[in-house]
Amino acid sequence: MENFEKLGALGAKAVAGGAVAAWLGFAFLTRPVSSGGVDTVTHMAIMASTFMVFGMLALSHFWFGMQLTKGRDSITG
């Protein structure tokens, strides 16, 4: 069972990193450019609103991965 916990922790941390990478990719694709696209204010509003979604997803997976890394005795309740 210990190997499953390590694998689950690694997967959860990978999802956290993937969520951050996806948010950065989204930020890159929606950036204002000289040939068109959104303006700077709209881009900042988009980034602030999507950061909550991607940030909470990444943070919750990272926290769950840390719990799995500590082992079964760290989860109480």
N, C-alpha and C. Protein backbone atom coordinates (compact mmCIF):
# COMPACT_ATOMS: atom_id res chain seq x y z
N MET A 1 0.82 -1.20 0.00
CA MET A 1 0.00 0.00 0.00
C MET A 1 0.86 1.25 0.00
N GLU A 2 2.06 1.14 0.51
CA GLU A 2 2.94 2.31 0.58
C GLU A 2 3.31 2.80 -0.81
N ASN A 3 3.51 1.89 -1.75
CA ASN A 3 3.85 2.31 -3.11
C ASN A 3 2.69 3.04 -3.77
N PHE A 4 1.46 2.63 -3.45
CA PHE A 4 0.30 3.32 -4.00
C PHE A 4 0.21 4.75 -3.48
N GLU A 5 0.54 4.95 -2.21
CA GLU A 5 0.52 6.31 -1.64
C GLU A 5 1.58 7.18 -2.29
N LYS A 6 2.76 6.62 -2.53
CA LYS A 6 3.82 7.40 -3.18
C LYS A 6 3.43 7.74 -4.62
N LEU A 7 2.81 6.79 -5.31
CA LEU A 7 2.39 7.04 -6.68
C LEU A 7 1.26 8.06 -6.73
N GLY A 8 0.33 7.98 -5.77
CA GLY A 8 -0.74 8.96 -5.69
C GLY A 8 -0.22 10.35 -5.38
N ALA A 9 0.77 10.44 -4.48
CA ALA A 9 1.36 11.73 -4.15
C ALA A 9 2.06 12.33 -5.36
N LEU A 10 2.77 11.50 -6.08
CA LEU A 10 3.46 11.98 -7.29
C LEU A 10 2.46 12.46 -8.34
N GLY A 11 1.36 11.72 -8.50
CA GLY A 11 0.34 12.11 -9.46
C GLY A 11 -0.35 13.41 -9.07
N ALA A 12 -0.64 13.57 -7.78
CA ALA A 12 -1.30 14.79 -7.32
C ALA A 12 -0.39 16.00 -7.52
N LYS A 13 0.88 15.84 -7.24
CA LYS A 13 1.82 16.95 -7.44
C LYS A 13 2.01 17.25 -8.93
N ALA A 14 1.93 16.22 -9.76
CA ALA A 14 2.03 16.44 -11.21
C ALA A 14 0.82 17.21 -11.73
N VAL A 15 -0.36 16.91 -11.20
CA VAL A 15 -1.55 17.67 -11.59
C VAL A 15 -1.42 19.12 -11.16
N ALA A 16 -0.85 19.36 -9.98
CA ALA A 16 -0.64 20.73 -9.52
C ALA A 16 0.29 21.48 -10.46
N GLY A 17 1.37 20.85 -10.84
CA GLY A 17 2.29 21.49 -11.79
C GLY A 17 1.66 21.68 -13.16
N GLY A 18 0.87 20.73 -13.58
CA GLY A 18 0.18 20.84 -14.87
C GLY A 18 -0.84 21.97 -14.88
N ALA A 19 -1.51 22.17 -13.75
CA ALA A 19 -2.49 23.26 -13.67
C ALA A 19 -1.80 24.61 -13.76
N VAL A 20 -0.65 24.74 -13.12
CA VAL A 20 0.11 25.99 -13.21
C VAL A 20 0.60 26.20 -14.64
N ALA A 21 1.10 25.14 -15.27
CA ALA A 21 1.57 25.24 -16.65
C ALA A 21 0.42 25.59 -17.60
N ALA A 22 -0.75 25.02 -17.36
CA ALA A 22 -1.92 25.33 -18.20
C ALA A 22 -2.32 26.79 -18.04
N TRP A 23 -2.27 27.29 -16.81
CA TRP A 23 -2.62 28.70 -16.59
C TRP A 23 -1.61 29.62 -17.28
N LEU A 24 -0.33 29.30 -17.18
CA LEU A 24 0.68 30.11 -17.85
C LEU A 24 0.52 30.06 -19.36
N GLY A 25 0.17 28.89 -19.89
CA GLY A 25 -0.10 28.78 -21.33
C GLY A 25 -1.30 29.59 -21.74
N PHE A 26 -2.34 29.58 -20.91
CA PHE A 26 -3.53 30.39 -21.18
C PHE A 26 -3.19 31.87 -21.14
N ALA A 27 -2.34 32.26 -20.19
CA ALA A 27 -1.92 33.66 -20.10
C ALA A 27 -1.14 34.07 -21.35
N PHE A 28 -0.32 33.17 -21.86
CA PHE A 28 0.46 33.47 -23.05
C PHE A 28 -0.43 33.59 -24.28
N LEU A 29 -1.42 32.72 -24.40
CA LEU A 29 -2.27 32.73 -25.58
C LEU A 29 -3.25 33.91 -25.61
N THR A 30 -3.60 34.44 -24.45
CA THR A 30 -4.57 35.54 -24.42
C THR A 30 -3.92 36.91 -24.22
N ARG A 31 -2.62 36.98 -24.36
CA ARG A 31 -1.92 38.25 -24.14
C ARG A 31 -2.26 39.26 -25.24
N PRO A 32 -2.21 40.54 -24.89
CA PRO A 32 -2.46 41.55 -25.93
C PRO A 32 -1.27 41.62 -26.90
N VAL A 33 -1.57 41.67 -28.17
CA VAL A 33 -0.53 41.78 -29.20
C VAL A 33 -0.86 42.99 -30.09
N SER A 34 0.12 43.42 -30.86
CA SER A 34 -0.07 44.61 -31.69
C SER A 34 -1.04 44.39 -32.84
N SER A 35 -1.23 43.14 -33.26
CA SER A 35 -2.11 42.88 -34.39
C SER A 35 -3.56 42.64 -33.98
N GLY A 36 -3.86 42.76 -32.70
CA GLY A 36 -5.25 42.58 -32.26
C GLY A 36 -5.31 41.84 -30.93
N GLY A 37 -6.47 41.37 -30.60
CA GLY A 37 -6.65 40.67 -29.34
C GLY A 37 -7.27 41.58 -28.30
N VAL A 38 -7.16 41.18 -27.06
CA VAL A 38 -7.76 41.95 -25.97
C VAL A 38 -6.82 43.07 -25.54
N ASP A 39 -7.38 44.07 -24.86
CA ASP A 39 -6.52 45.13 -24.35
C ASP A 39 -5.91 44.70 -23.01
N THR A 40 -5.03 45.50 -22.48
CA THR A 40 -4.28 45.15 -21.27
C THR A 40 -5.18 44.99 -20.06
N VAL A 41 -6.16 45.85 -19.91
CA VAL A 41 -7.06 45.79 -18.76
C VAL A 41 -7.89 44.52 -18.79
N THR A 42 -8.40 44.16 -19.95
CA THR A 42 -9.19 42.94 -20.07
C THR A 42 -8.31 41.71 -19.84
N HIS A 43 -7.09 41.77 -20.32
CA HIS A 43 -6.16 40.66 -20.10
C HIS A 43 -5.89 40.46 -18.61
N MET A 44 -5.68 41.54 -17.88
CA MET A 44 -5.45 41.44 -16.44
C MET A 44 -6.68 40.91 -15.71
N ALA A 45 -7.86 41.31 -16.16
CA ALA A 45 -9.10 40.80 -15.55
C ALA A 45 -9.26 39.31 -15.82
N ILE A 46 -8.94 38.88 -17.02
CA ILE A 46 -9.01 37.46 -17.37
C ILE A 46 -8.02 36.67 -16.52
N MET A 47 -6.81 37.18 -16.38
CA MET A 47 -5.79 36.47 -15.60
C MET A 47 -6.16 36.39 -14.12
N ALA A 48 -6.73 37.45 -13.57
CA ALA A 48 -7.11 37.44 -12.16
C ALA A 48 -8.25 36.45 -11.91
N SER A 49 -9.21 36.40 -12.82
CA SER A 49 -10.35 35.51 -12.60
C SER A 49 -9.98 34.05 -12.84
N THR A 50 -9.15 33.76 -13.82
CA THR A 50 -8.78 32.37 -14.06
C THR A 50 -7.73 31.88 -13.08
N PHE A 51 -6.98 32.79 -12.45
CA PHE A 51 -6.01 32.37 -11.45
C PHE A 51 -6.70 31.69 -10.28
N MET A 52 -7.88 32.16 -9.91
CA MET A 52 -8.61 31.54 -8.81
C MET A 52 -8.94 30.08 -9.13
N VAL A 53 -9.39 29.82 -10.34
CA VAL A 53 -9.75 28.45 -10.71
C VAL A 53 -8.50 27.57 -10.78
N PHE A 54 -7.52 27.98 -11.56
CA PHE A 54 -6.31 27.18 -11.71
C PHE A 54 -5.50 27.14 -10.42
N GLY A 55 -5.47 28.25 -9.70
CA GLY A 55 -4.70 28.30 -8.45
C GLY A 55 -5.28 27.39 -7.38
N MET A 56 -6.59 27.40 -7.21
CA MET A 56 -7.22 26.53 -6.22
C MET A 56 -7.09 25.06 -6.61
N LEU A 57 -7.17 24.77 -7.89
CA LEU A 57 -6.98 23.40 -8.36
C LEU A 57 -5.56 22.93 -8.06
N ALA A 58 -4.58 23.77 -8.36
CA ALA A 58 -3.19 23.41 -8.11
C ALA A 58 -2.90 23.30 -6.62
N LEU A 59 -3.41 24.25 -5.83
CA LEU A 59 -3.16 24.24 -4.40
C LEU A 59 -3.79 23.03 -3.72
N SER A 60 -4.99 22.67 -4.09
CA SER A 60 -5.64 21.52 -3.46
C SER A 60 -4.93 20.22 -3.82
N HIS A 61 -4.48 20.08 -5.06
CA HIS A 61 -3.76 18.87 -5.43
C HIS A 61 -2.39 18.80 -4.75
N PHE A 62 -1.73 19.94 -4.63
CA PHE A 62 -0.43 19.94 -3.95
C PHE A 62 -0.60 19.59 -2.48
N TRP A 63 -1.63 20.14 -1.83
CA TRP A 63 -1.88 19.84 -0.42
C TRP A 63 -2.21 18.37 -0.23
N PHE A 64 -3.03 17.81 -1.11
CA PHE A 64 -3.37 16.39 -1.02
C PHE A 64 -2.14 15.52 -1.26
N GLY A 65 -1.27 15.93 -2.19
CA GLY A 65 -0.03 15.20 -2.43
C GLY A 65 0.89 15.23 -1.22
N MET A 66 0.93 16.36 -0.53
CA MET A 66 1.75 16.44 0.69
C MET A 66 1.20 15.53 1.78
N GLN A 67 -0.12 15.43 1.90
CA GLN A 67 -0.72 14.52 2.87
C GLN A 67 -0.38 13.08 2.54
N LEU A 68 -0.42 12.73 1.27
CA LEU A 68 -0.09 11.36 0.88
C LEU A 68 1.39 11.07 1.10
N THR A 69 2.24 12.07 0.95
CA THR A 69 3.66 11.88 1.18
C THR A 69 3.94 11.59 2.65
N LYS A 70 3.22 12.27 3.54
CA LYS A 70 3.42 12.06 4.98
C LYS A 70 2.97 10.68 5.43
N GLY A 71 2.02 10.11 4.74
CA GLY A 71 1.57 8.77 5.08
C GLY A 71 0.20 8.75 5.72
N ARG A 72 -0.22 7.58 6.02
CA ARG A 72 -1.58 7.35 6.49
C ARG A 72 -1.81 7.92 7.87
N ASP A 73 -0.81 8.03 8.72
CA ASP A 73 -1.00 8.53 10.08
C ASP A 73 -1.22 10.04 10.15
N SER A 74 -0.94 10.76 9.05
CA SER A 74 -1.08 12.22 9.09
C SER A 74 -2.51 12.69 8.88
N ILE A 75 -3.39 11.82 8.37
CA ILE A 75 -4.77 12.20 8.11
C ILE A 75 -5.61 11.83 9.32
N THR A 76 -6.17 12.85 9.96
CA THR A 76 -6.98 12.62 11.15
C THR A 76 -8.42 13.03 10.87
N GLY A 77 -9.32 12.53 11.67
CA GLY A 77 -10.70 12.96 11.51
C GLY A 77 -11.67 11.84 11.39
